[in-house]
Amino acid sequence: MTHEAGWAHAPGALRGPAWLQPPADVNTLVPQLWPATAHKTESGDLVVGGLPLADLVAEHNTPAYVLDEDDFRGRARAFRDAFAEYDVYYAGKAFLSVAVARWVAEEGLHLDVCSAGELTVALRAGVEPARIGYHGNNKTVAELRRAVSAGVGRVIVDSFQEVERLAMVAADTGLPARAMVRVTAGVEAHTHEYIATAHEDQKFGFSITSGDAFEAVRRLHEAPGVELLGLHSHIGSQIFDSAGFEVAARRVLGLHARVATELGAVMPEMDLGGGFGIAYTTQDDPREPAQLAAELTAIVDHECRALDVARPRLSIEPGRAIVGPAMCTVYTVGTVKQVTLDAGAVRTYVSVDGGMSDNIRTALYDADYSCTLAGRRSDATPVLARVVGKHCEAGDIVVRDEFLPGDIAPGDLLAVPGTGAYCRSMASNYNHALRPPVIAVKDGVARVIVRRETEDDLLATDLG
């Protein structure tokens, strides 16, 4: 609980959270937080994809996102193989580029997009339109027309206005519009309020409880030119247990059965969403894809037997769980400041050359991250530090609490793991910062797949 006089006065404020313990060796990596190829040399250099980050920085500078291609592809294959009876859609909102869209297609996954821009990237990458799903809670007629004209495999309908718009587009174009209905199952997922998406009081989907979901299904079922595929449910993000999925599946399958009984419409598909959690710190314990597949399939099969309905073709939408651990961000330390607080307590602030413009999640979601010294070995005693950015906000925090070597100094490299999801994709030009590049590494070779912004880019839209 926050002290009324401020965080610095709260009991244990400088001891860090209970799960964060002083390391026996500050140079050691916690493997589950990093890409599979990540390791440290005896000299303390952090190596990812066969390339020391110090070498990458010497050529490309900092800050930079470093994406391990083999790790990304390996996680994509793990979901594809574990969920072999499902359609696996990579959730592009986590991070999407032309190169990543191609990797997704090459590994046999489908692709989920939620904007015209993401659809443009997918089509530029050559993703087969029939393997694309189109999300979003406010799709315009123009967006729907483009999606249907491109031949996307499914449009996830999110409002009664979209029901009307999609029906109109199908009639105008004469092309089939394949639709799923996003429903809210009234499940309170155990995650941050802003990323819990299946409770009733939020912007997504049609409520099952109120009857809106059934009515949306009925209207789509009766709309000429619209092919009703099924129901879509997404209960939130960064979820570690299947309890929420169990409750959601029961309610969504109940609606599925009701539609078959009352409307005579046997919907062939059902999407269980994504939101599978990853390890950002040692407090996180995510499930492996095979375990997730076994648990979700058992849940659905149990509910189908109880309702005496055939199991529909299932799909899931992992995004964070594939790209999150495959990427890290490397920064250069600019300043180190010891701030003396009441009773002589000292807070060590380590400022880096990025911040909330390249990782907004700590400020937005109160997210926890880890980090490590990336360019050398240190034998100094660990100190509890706070890694902060260079922006004009007190909340510009990258890593709230981490043990770093006591000799951390300007010019050192720091790497933050688990930054693949919602970091580059939510990056901004706050304070007119230039967004960092995304550099793919594989077998000791670095390849820029999204280049660093320049001042010319920054001024290109400023008409003066």
Protein backbone atom coordinates (compact mmCIF):
# COMPACT_ATOMS: atom_id res chain seq x y z
CA MET A 1 0.00 0.00 0.00
CA THR A 2 1.31 3.46 -0.86
CA HIS A 3 2.17 5.66 2.15
CA GLU A 4 0.16 8.89 2.37
CA ALA A 5 3.41 10.88 2.37
CA GLY A 6 4.66 9.19 -0.80
CA TRP A 7 6.24 5.96 -2.02
CA ALA A 8 9.61 6.70 -0.35
CA HIS A 9 7.96 6.52 3.08
CA ALA A 10 6.25 3.17 2.53
CA PRO A 11 7.63 0.25 4.58
CA GLY A 12 10.20 -1.66 2.55
CA ALA A 13 10.25 0.90 -0.25
CA LEU A 14 13.99 0.41 -0.83
CA ARG A 15 14.03 -3.35 -0.33
CA GLY A 16 12.23 -4.07 -3.59
CA PRO A 17 9.39 -6.54 -4.07
CA ALA A 18 9.43 -9.79 -2.12
CA TRP A 19 10.04 -11.90 -5.24
CA LEU A 20 13.22 -9.98 -6.13
CA GLN A 21 16.15 -11.40 -4.19
CA PRO A 22 19.82 -10.34 -4.35
CA PRO A 23 21.57 -12.58 -6.89
CA ALA A 24 24.45 -14.85 -5.95
CA ASP A 25 26.15 -13.64 -9.14
CA VAL A 26 24.97 -10.39 -10.71
CA ASN A 27 26.46 -11.50 -14.06
CA THR A 28 24.22 -14.57 -14.40
CA LEU A 29 21.22 -14.62 -16.74
CA VAL A 30 17.85 -16.03 -15.72
CA PRO A 31 17.30 -18.31 -18.77
CA GLN A 32 13.51 -18.24 -18.88
CA LEU A 33 13.53 -14.46 -19.39
CA TRP A 34 15.74 -14.48 -22.48
CA PRO A 35 15.76 -15.80 -26.05
CA ALA A 36 16.92 -19.40 -26.29
CA THR A 37 20.26 -18.43 -27.85
CA ALA A 38 21.13 -15.81 -25.22
CA HIS A 39 24.17 -16.40 -23.04
CA LYS A 40 27.05 -14.51 -21.48
CA THR A 41 30.71 -15.03 -22.21
CA GLU A 42 33.36 -15.22 -19.48
CA SER A 43 34.11 -11.55 -20.10
CA GLY A 44 30.46 -10.66 -19.50
CA ASP A 45 29.42 -9.95 -23.09
CA LEU A 46 25.75 -10.79 -23.69
CA VAL A 47 25.40 -12.83 -26.89
CA VAL A 48 22.06 -13.21 -28.71
CA GLY A 49 21.65 -15.06 -31.99
CA GLY A 50 25.38 -15.75 -32.02
CA LEU A 51 26.24 -12.03 -31.94
CA PRO A 52 27.69 -10.12 -28.95
CA LEU A 53 25.43 -7.15 -28.31
CA ALA A 54 28.50 -4.94 -27.89
CA ASP A 55 29.40 -5.67 -31.53
CA LEU A 56 25.86 -4.93 -32.65
CA VAL A 57 25.86 -1.66 -30.72
CA ALA A 58 29.20 -0.65 -32.24
CA GLU A 59 27.53 -0.76 -35.66
CA HIS A 60 23.94 0.22 -34.92
CA ASN A 61 24.09 2.29 -31.70
CA THR A 62 21.45 2.31 -28.95
CA PRO A 63 18.68 2.04 -28.06
CA ALA A 64 17.85 -0.92 -30.27
CA TYR A 65 15.43 -3.82 -30.24
CA VAL A 66 17.21 -7.12 -30.88
CA LEU A 67 15.02 -9.92 -32.26
CA ASP A 68 16.28 -13.51 -32.21
CA GLU A 69 14.91 -15.01 -35.43
CA ASP A 70 15.53 -18.63 -34.43
CA ASP A 71 13.81 -18.09 -31.09
CA PHE A 72 10.78 -16.45 -32.73
CA ARG A 73 10.46 -19.24 -35.28
CA GLY A 74 10.94 -21.89 -32.60
CA ARG A 75 8.13 -20.49 -30.46
CA ALA A 76 5.87 -20.20 -33.50
CA ARG A 77 6.52 -23.86 -34.35
CA ALA A 78 5.93 -24.90 -30.74
CA PHE A 79 2.42 -23.40 -30.84
CA ARG A 80 1.77 -24.77 -34.33
CA ASP A 81 2.75 -28.30 -33.30
CA ALA A 82 1.15 -28.29 -29.84
CA PHE A 83 -2.13 -26.96 -31.28
CA ALA A 84 -2.00 -29.11 -34.40
CA GLU A 85 -5.80 -29.54 -34.39
CA TYR A 86 -6.31 -25.77 -34.18
CA ASP A 87 -5.74 -22.81 -36.45
CA VAL A 88 -3.02 -20.75 -34.78
CA TYR A 89 -3.22 -17.02 -35.52
CA TYR A 90 -0.20 -14.90 -34.63
CA ALA A 91 -1.56 -11.71 -33.05
CA GLY A 92 0.19 -9.07 -35.11
CA LYS A 93 -0.61 -6.25 -32.69
CA ALA A 94 2.13 -7.57 -30.38
CA PHE A 95 4.75 -6.75 -33.03
CA LEU A 96 4.44 -6.80 -36.79
CA SER A 97 6.78 -6.07 -39.66
CA VAL A 98 7.03 -7.40 -43.18
CA ALA A 99 9.83 -9.77 -42.17
CA VAL A 100 7.91 -11.08 -39.15
CA ALA A 101 4.74 -11.58 -41.20
CA ARG A 102 6.79 -13.68 -43.62
CA TRP A 103 8.25 -15.75 -40.79
CA VAL A 104 4.73 -16.37 -39.49
CA ALA A 105 3.56 -17.58 -42.90
CA GLU A 106 6.66 -19.71 -43.45
CA GLU A 107 6.12 -21.46 -40.12
CA GLY A 108 2.56 -22.36 -41.08
CA LEU A 109 0.66 -19.94 -38.83
CA HIS A 110 -2.25 -17.68 -39.69
CA LEU A 111 -2.09 -13.94 -38.96
CA ASP A 112 -4.41 -11.71 -36.99
CA VAL A 113 -4.50 -7.99 -37.81
CA CYS A 114 -6.57 -5.20 -36.28
CA SER A 115 -6.09 -2.16 -38.49
CA ALA A 116 -5.73 -1.12 -42.10
CA GLY A 117 -2.03 -0.56 -41.48
CA GLU A 118 -1.49 -4.07 -40.15
CA LEU A 119 -3.42 -5.48 -43.11
CA THR A 120 -1.16 -3.49 -45.45
CA VAL A 121 1.93 -5.03 -43.83
CA ALA A 122 0.47 -8.52 -44.08
CA LEU A 123 -0.39 -8.14 -47.74
CA ARG A 124 2.99 -6.56 -48.51
CA ALA A 125 4.61 -9.62 -46.93
CA GLY A 126 2.65 -11.90 -49.23
CA VAL A 127 0.53 -13.53 -46.52
CA GLU A 128 -2.31 -15.47 -48.10
CA PRO A 129 -5.44 -13.35 -47.44
CA ALA A 130 -7.53 -16.39 -46.56
CA ARG A 131 -5.19 -16.96 -43.62
CA ILE A 132 -5.72 -13.45 -42.23
CA GLY A 133 -8.24 -12.50 -39.54
CA TYR A 134 -9.36 -8.89 -39.15
CA HIS A 135 -10.06 -7.56 -35.64
CA GLY A 136 -11.01 -4.16 -34.25
CA ASN A 137 -13.89 -2.54 -32.40
CA ASN A 138 -14.46 0.33 -34.86
CA LYS A 139 -13.95 -0.89 -38.42
CA THR A 140 -15.09 1.62 -41.03
CA VAL A 141 -16.97 0.75 -44.20
CA ALA A 142 -13.80 1.47 -46.18
CA GLU A 143 -11.78 -0.89 -43.98
CA LEU A 144 -14.36 -3.63 -44.26
CA ARG A 145 -14.61 -3.20 -48.01
CA ARG A 146 -10.86 -3.49 -48.36
CA ALA A 147 -10.71 -6.57 -46.14
CA VAL A 148 -13.52 -8.33 -47.98
CA SER A 149 -12.12 -7.34 -51.38
CA ALA A 150 -8.71 -8.68 -50.38
CA GLY A 151 -10.32 -11.98 -49.43
CA VAL A 152 -9.47 -12.09 -45.73
CA GLY A 153 -10.47 -15.34 -44.12
CA ARG A 154 -12.57 -13.83 -41.38
CA VAL A 155 -13.78 -10.53 -40.00
CA ILE A 156 -14.38 -10.47 -36.26
CA VAL A 157 -17.53 -8.35 -35.83
CA ASP A 158 -17.64 -6.18 -32.72
CA SER A 159 -20.83 -4.05 -32.85
CA PHE A 160 -24.28 -3.89 -34.40
CA GLN A 161 -23.06 -1.09 -36.67
CA GLU A 162 -20.41 -3.47 -37.99
CA VAL A 163 -23.07 -6.10 -38.62
CA GLU A 164 -24.86 -3.61 -40.86
CA ARG A 165 -21.65 -2.42 -42.51
CA LEU A 166 -20.42 -5.91 -43.28
CA ALA A 167 -23.77 -6.92 -44.74
CA MET A 168 -23.75 -3.79 -46.90
CA VAL A 169 -20.21 -4.47 -48.11
CA ALA A 170 -21.11 -8.06 -48.99
CA ALA A 171 -24.11 -6.85 -50.97
CA ASP A 172 -22.18 -4.06 -52.72
CA THR A 173 -19.16 -6.15 -53.70
CA GLY A 174 -20.89 -9.44 -54.36
CA LEU A 175 -18.03 -11.08 -52.48
CA PRO A 176 -18.40 -13.46 -49.54
CA ALA A 177 -17.90 -11.88 -46.13
CA ARG A 178 -16.82 -14.46 -43.57
CA ALA A 179 -17.64 -13.35 -40.05
CA MET A 180 -17.11 -14.29 -36.43
CA VAL A 181 -18.89 -12.59 -33.55
CA ARG A 182 -16.76 -11.37 -30.68
CA VAL A 183 -18.50 -12.07 -27.40
CA THR A 184 -17.82 -11.09 -23.80
CA ALA A 185 -18.23 -13.98 -21.45
CA GLY A 186 -18.24 -11.98 -18.21
CA VAL A 187 -14.93 -13.44 -17.04
CA GLU A 188 -12.66 -11.41 -14.76
CA ALA A 189 -9.21 -12.51 -15.94
CA HIS A 190 -6.40 -12.34 -13.39
CA THR A 191 -4.43 -9.59 -15.09
CA HIS A 192 -4.17 -5.80 -15.21
CA GLU A 193 -7.52 -4.01 -15.53
CA TYR A 194 -6.54 -2.44 -18.85
CA ILE A 195 -5.73 -5.77 -20.50
CA ALA A 196 -8.62 -7.80 -19.10
CA THR A 197 -11.06 -7.89 -21.99
CA ALA A 198 -13.92 -10.27 -21.24
CA HIS A 199 -15.67 -8.61 -18.32
CA GLU A 200 -18.88 -6.75 -19.07
CA ASP A 201 -17.84 -3.13 -18.60
CA GLN A 202 -15.43 -2.58 -21.49
CA LYS A 203 -15.49 -1.71 -25.17
CA PHE A 204 -15.02 -5.08 -26.85
CA GLY A 205 -17.61 -7.52 -28.08
CA PHE A 206 -21.24 -8.43 -27.47
CA SER A 207 -22.42 -9.47 -24.03
CA ILE A 208 -23.67 -13.03 -23.74
CA THR A 209 -25.52 -12.19 -20.53
CA SER A 210 -27.52 -9.31 -21.98
CA GLY A 211 -28.55 -11.22 -25.09
CA ASP A 212 -26.72 -8.88 -27.47
CA ALA A 213 -24.41 -11.68 -28.60
CA PHE A 214 -27.30 -13.90 -29.67
CA GLU A 215 -28.93 -11.00 -31.50
CA ALA A 216 -25.70 -10.21 -33.36
CA VAL A 217 -25.43 -13.84 -34.43
CA ARG A 218 -29.04 -13.84 -35.59
CA ARG A 219 -28.56 -10.73 -37.72
CA LEU A 220 -25.41 -12.06 -39.35
CA HIS A 221 -27.03 -15.43 -39.94
CA GLU A 222 -29.86 -13.73 -41.81
CA ALA A 223 -27.66 -11.30 -43.77
CA PRO A 224 -27.31 -12.21 -47.46
CA GLY A 225 -23.72 -12.72 -48.54
CA VAL A 226 -22.40 -13.16 -45.01
CA GLU A 227 -20.97 -16.53 -43.97
CA LEU A 228 -21.28 -16.97 -40.22
CA LEU A 229 -18.23 -18.89 -39.02
CA GLY A 230 -18.61 -18.82 -35.26
CA LEU A 231 -17.93 -17.10 -31.96
CA HIS A 232 -14.77 -15.40 -30.74
CA SER A 233 -13.83 -14.94 -27.09
CA HIS A 234 -10.75 -13.24 -25.66
CA ILE A 235 -10.51 -12.97 -21.89
CA GLY A 236 -7.39 -10.80 -21.54
CA SER A 237 -3.62 -10.78 -21.72
CA GLN A 238 -0.66 -12.01 -19.66
CA ILE A 239 -2.72 -14.87 -18.18
CA PHE A 240 -1.04 -17.83 -16.45
CA ASP A 241 -3.87 -20.21 -15.55
CA SER A 242 -6.69 -21.84 -17.49
CA ALA A 243 -9.47 -21.17 -14.97
CA GLY A 244 -10.70 -18.13 -16.88
CA PHE A 245 -10.69 -20.05 -20.15
CA GLU A 246 -12.80 -22.78 -18.52
CA VAL A 247 -15.55 -20.38 -17.46
CA ALA A 248 -15.45 -18.56 -20.81
CA ALA A 249 -15.59 -21.79 -22.82
CA ARG A 250 -18.64 -22.95 -20.88
CA ARG A 251 -20.54 -19.73 -21.58
CA VAL A 252 -19.44 -19.38 -25.19
CA LEU A 253 -20.25 -23.01 -26.00
CA GLY A 254 -23.61 -22.54 -24.32
CA LEU A 255 -24.35 -19.76 -26.78
CA HIS A 256 -22.98 -21.89 -29.61
CA ALA A 257 -25.45 -24.65 -28.70
CA ARG A 258 -28.34 -22.20 -28.36
CA VAL A 259 -27.68 -20.81 -31.85
CA ALA A 260 -27.82 -24.32 -33.29
CA THR A 261 -31.06 -25.12 -31.48
CA GLU A 262 -32.96 -21.86 -31.99
CA LEU A 263 -31.59 -20.62 -35.31
CA GLY A 264 -30.64 -23.91 -36.92
CA ALA A 265 -27.16 -22.52 -37.55
CA VAL A 266 -24.32 -24.93 -36.83
CA MET A 267 -21.32 -22.64 -36.66
CA PRO A 268 -18.17 -24.50 -37.75
CA GLU A 269 -15.55 -22.53 -35.81
CA MET A 270 -14.74 -21.03 -32.42
CA ASP A 271 -11.83 -18.85 -31.35
CA LEU A 272 -10.57 -19.01 -27.77
CA GLY A 273 -8.39 -15.91 -28.12
CA GLY A 274 -4.88 -15.55 -26.79
CA GLY A 275 -3.38 -13.72 -23.86
CA PHE A 276 -0.97 -16.47 -22.81
CA GLY A 277 1.56 -15.03 -20.36
CA ILE A 278 5.34 -14.91 -20.54
CA ALA A 279 8.06 -14.54 -17.93
CA TYR A 280 9.11 -10.92 -17.51
CA THR A 281 10.69 -11.57 -14.10
CA THR A 282 11.32 -14.53 -11.80
CA GLN A 283 7.82 -14.16 -10.33
CA ASP A 284 6.23 -15.32 -13.62
CA ASP A 285 5.68 -19.00 -14.40
CA PRO A 286 4.13 -19.41 -17.86
CA ARG A 287 2.82 -22.68 -19.25
CA GLU A 288 4.42 -24.39 -22.23
CA PRO A 289 2.32 -24.58 -25.44
CA ALA A 290 1.84 -28.35 -25.09
CA GLN A 291 0.41 -27.94 -21.60
CA LEU A 292 -1.82 -25.10 -22.74
CA ALA A 293 -3.09 -27.20 -25.64
CA ALA A 294 -3.89 -30.15 -23.40
CA GLU A 295 -5.72 -27.99 -20.85
CA LEU A 296 -7.74 -25.95 -23.35
CA THR A 297 -8.71 -28.97 -25.42
CA ALA A 298 -9.81 -30.87 -22.32
CA ILE A 299 -11.92 -27.90 -21.22
CA VAL A 300 -13.66 -27.60 -24.60
CA ASP A 301 -14.22 -31.35 -24.97
CA HIS A 302 -15.74 -31.53 -21.48
CA GLU A 303 -18.16 -28.69 -22.21
CA CYS A 304 -19.07 -30.09 -25.62
CA ARG A 305 -19.94 -33.44 -24.07
CA ALA A 306 -22.04 -31.74 -21.41
CA LEU A 307 -23.95 -29.82 -24.11
CA ASP A 308 -24.04 -32.76 -26.54
CA VAL A 309 -22.58 -30.70 -29.37
CA ALA A 310 -19.77 -31.48 -31.77
CA ARG A 311 -16.51 -29.68 -31.12
CA PRO A 312 -16.11 -26.80 -33.59
CA ARG A 313 -12.85 -26.09 -35.37
CA LEU A 314 -10.85 -24.21 -32.75
CA SER A 315 -8.39 -21.38 -33.10
CA ILE A 316 -6.14 -19.40 -30.76
CA GLU A 317 -4.25 -16.12 -31.10
CA PRO A 318 -0.85 -16.10 -29.37
CA GLY A 319 1.20 -12.95 -29.93
CA ARG A 320 3.14 -12.02 -26.81
CA ALA A 321 3.91 -15.69 -26.14
CA ILE A 322 5.75 -15.94 -29.46
CA VAL A 323 7.48 -12.59 -29.92
CA GLY A 324 7.76 -11.38 -26.31
CA PRO A 325 10.70 -13.52 -25.12
CA ALA A 326 12.34 -13.48 -28.56
CA MET A 327 13.31 -9.80 -28.29
CA CYS A 328 15.36 -7.72 -25.90
CA THR A 329 16.20 -4.02 -25.87
CA VAL A 330 19.75 -2.77 -25.43
CA TYR A 331 20.47 0.68 -24.00
CA THR A 332 23.50 2.76 -23.06
CA VAL A 333 23.71 4.12 -19.52
CA GLY A 334 23.92 7.91 -19.48
CA THR A 335 23.91 8.87 -15.80
CA VAL A 336 23.94 7.16 -12.42
CA LYS A 337 22.48 9.11 -9.52
CA GLN A 338 22.21 8.23 -5.82
CA VAL A 339 19.29 10.02 -4.22
CA THR A 340 19.33 10.18 -0.41
CA LEU A 341 15.91 9.80 1.17
CA ASP A 342 14.63 9.95 4.72
CA ALA A 343 16.60 8.09 7.39
CA GLY A 344 19.61 7.93 5.10
CA ALA A 345 18.13 5.45 2.64
CA VAL A 346 19.55 5.79 -0.88
CA ARG A 347 17.83 5.14 -4.19
CA THR A 348 20.13 4.48 -7.17
CA TYR A 349 18.74 5.81 -10.44
CA VAL A 350 20.31 4.51 -13.64
CA SER A 351 19.29 6.61 -16.65
CA VAL A 352 19.42 5.10 -20.14
CA ASP A 353 19.09 6.58 -23.61
CA GLY A 354 15.53 5.39 -24.18
CA GLY A 355 12.50 5.07 -21.94
CA MET A 356 8.76 5.36 -22.24
CA SER A 357 9.00 6.23 -25.94
CA ASP A 358 10.28 2.71 -26.68
CA ASN A 359 8.64 0.86 -23.76
CA ILE A 360 5.45 2.42 -22.41
CA ARG A 361 4.31 -0.71 -20.56
CA THR A 362 5.87 0.09 -17.19
CA ALA A 363 4.12 3.47 -17.12
CA LEU A 364 0.89 2.24 -18.71
CA TYR A 365 0.39 -1.16 -17.04
CA ASP A 366 2.72 -0.96 -14.04
CA ALA A 367 4.61 -3.77 -15.77
CA ASP A 368 7.69 -5.36 -14.22
CA TYR A 369 10.88 -5.98 -16.17
CA SER A 370 14.34 -7.31 -15.51
CA CYS A 371 17.69 -6.22 -16.95
CA THR A 372 21.37 -7.12 -16.99
CA LEU A 373 24.74 -5.55 -17.62
CA ALA A 374 25.41 -6.53 -21.23
CA GLY A 375 28.94 -5.47 -22.20
CA ARG A 376 31.29 -6.51 -19.41
CA ARG A 377 31.66 -8.59 -16.29
CA SER A 378 31.50 -7.02 -12.84
CA ASP A 379 32.65 -8.28 -9.45
CA ALA A 380 31.06 -5.37 -7.59
CA THR A 381 28.45 -5.94 -4.90
CA PRO A 382 24.90 -5.80 -6.30
CA VAL A 383 22.82 -2.74 -5.46
CA LEU A 384 19.08 -2.30 -5.84
CA ALA A 385 18.57 0.15 -8.70
CA ARG A 386 15.79 1.72 -10.70
CA VAL A 387 16.36 2.02 -14.46
CA VAL A 388 14.71 5.12 -15.87
CA GLY A 389 14.43 6.80 -19.24
CA LYS A 390 15.41 10.22 -20.47
CA HIS A 391 11.93 11.67 -20.94
CA CYS A 392 10.39 14.56 -19.02
CA GLU A 393 8.08 12.39 -16.90
CA ALA A 394 8.57 11.16 -13.35
CA GLY A 395 6.82 7.97 -14.45
CA ASP A 396 9.37 7.32 -17.19
CA ILE A 397 10.57 4.05 -15.66
CA VAL A 398 11.95 1.12 -17.64
CA VAL A 399 12.75 -1.33 -14.81
CA ARG A 400 11.25 -0.46 -11.45
CA ASP A 401 13.53 -2.64 -9.31
CA GLU A 402 16.61 -4.65 -10.25
CA PHE A 403 19.90 -5.62 -8.69
CA LEU A 404 22.76 -4.22 -10.76
CA PRO A 405 26.52 -4.13 -10.11
CA GLY A 406 27.51 -1.38 -7.70
CA ASP A 407 30.01 -0.09 -10.23
CA ILE A 408 27.40 0.53 -12.95
CA ALA A 409 28.59 3.63 -14.81
CA PRO A 410 27.90 5.89 -17.78
CA GLY A 411 28.72 4.12 -21.03
CA ASP A 412 27.74 0.66 -19.79
CA LEU A 413 25.30 -1.38 -21.85
CA LEU A 414 22.08 -2.60 -20.24
CA ALA A 415 19.77 -5.15 -21.86
CA VAL A 416 16.11 -5.63 -20.94
CA PRO A 417 14.53 -9.00 -21.88
CA GLY A 418 10.95 -9.73 -22.86
CA THR A 419 10.42 -6.57 -24.92
CA GLY A 420 9.09 -8.18 -28.10
CA ALA A 421 5.42 -7.54 -27.39
CA TYR A 422 3.85 -4.09 -27.25
CA CYS A 423 7.13 -2.18 -27.03
CA ARG A 424 8.06 -1.31 -30.62
CA SER A 425 4.41 -1.60 -31.63
CA MET A 426 3.41 1.02 -29.01
CA ALA A 427 6.53 3.16 -29.38
CA SER A 428 6.10 6.91 -29.82
CA ASN A 429 7.93 10.10 -30.67
CA TYR A 430 7.33 11.58 -27.23
CA ASN A 431 9.76 14.46 -26.65
CA HIS A 432 10.45 14.04 -30.38
CA ALA A 433 12.43 10.89 -29.69
CA LEU A 434 13.44 8.78 -32.67
CA ARG A 435 12.02 5.28 -32.55
CA PRO A 436 14.72 2.59 -32.34
CA PRO A 437 15.42 0.00 -35.03
CA VAL A 438 14.47 -3.67 -34.88
CA ILE A 439 17.52 -5.77 -35.66
CA ALA A 440 17.07 -9.48 -36.37
CA VAL A 441 19.98 -11.69 -35.36
CA LYS A 442 20.66 -15.19 -36.56
CA ASP A 443 23.85 -17.28 -36.67
CA GLY A 444 26.03 -14.32 -35.75
CA VAL A 445 24.59 -12.04 -38.44
CA ALA A 446 22.54 -8.90 -37.79
CA ARG A 447 19.91 -7.68 -40.24
CA VAL A 448 17.90 -4.49 -39.79
CA ILE A 449 14.24 -5.30 -40.44
CA VAL A 450 12.86 -1.96 -39.19
CA ARG A 451 15.36 0.89 -39.48
CA ARG A 452 15.99 3.55 -36.90
CA GLU A 453 14.02 6.74 -37.45
CA THR A 454 15.95 9.83 -38.48
CA GLU A 455 15.39 13.53 -37.91
CA ASP A 456 14.24 13.71 -41.54
CA ASP A 457 11.53 11.17 -40.68
CA LEU A 458 10.57 13.28 -37.69
CA LEU A 459 10.20 16.42 -39.80
CA ALA A 460 8.62 14.77 -42.84
CA THR A 461 5.07 15.36 -41.60
CA ASP A 462 5.77 18.75 -40.02
CA LEU A 463 4.69 21.24 -42.67
CA GLY A 464 6.04 24.20 -40.78
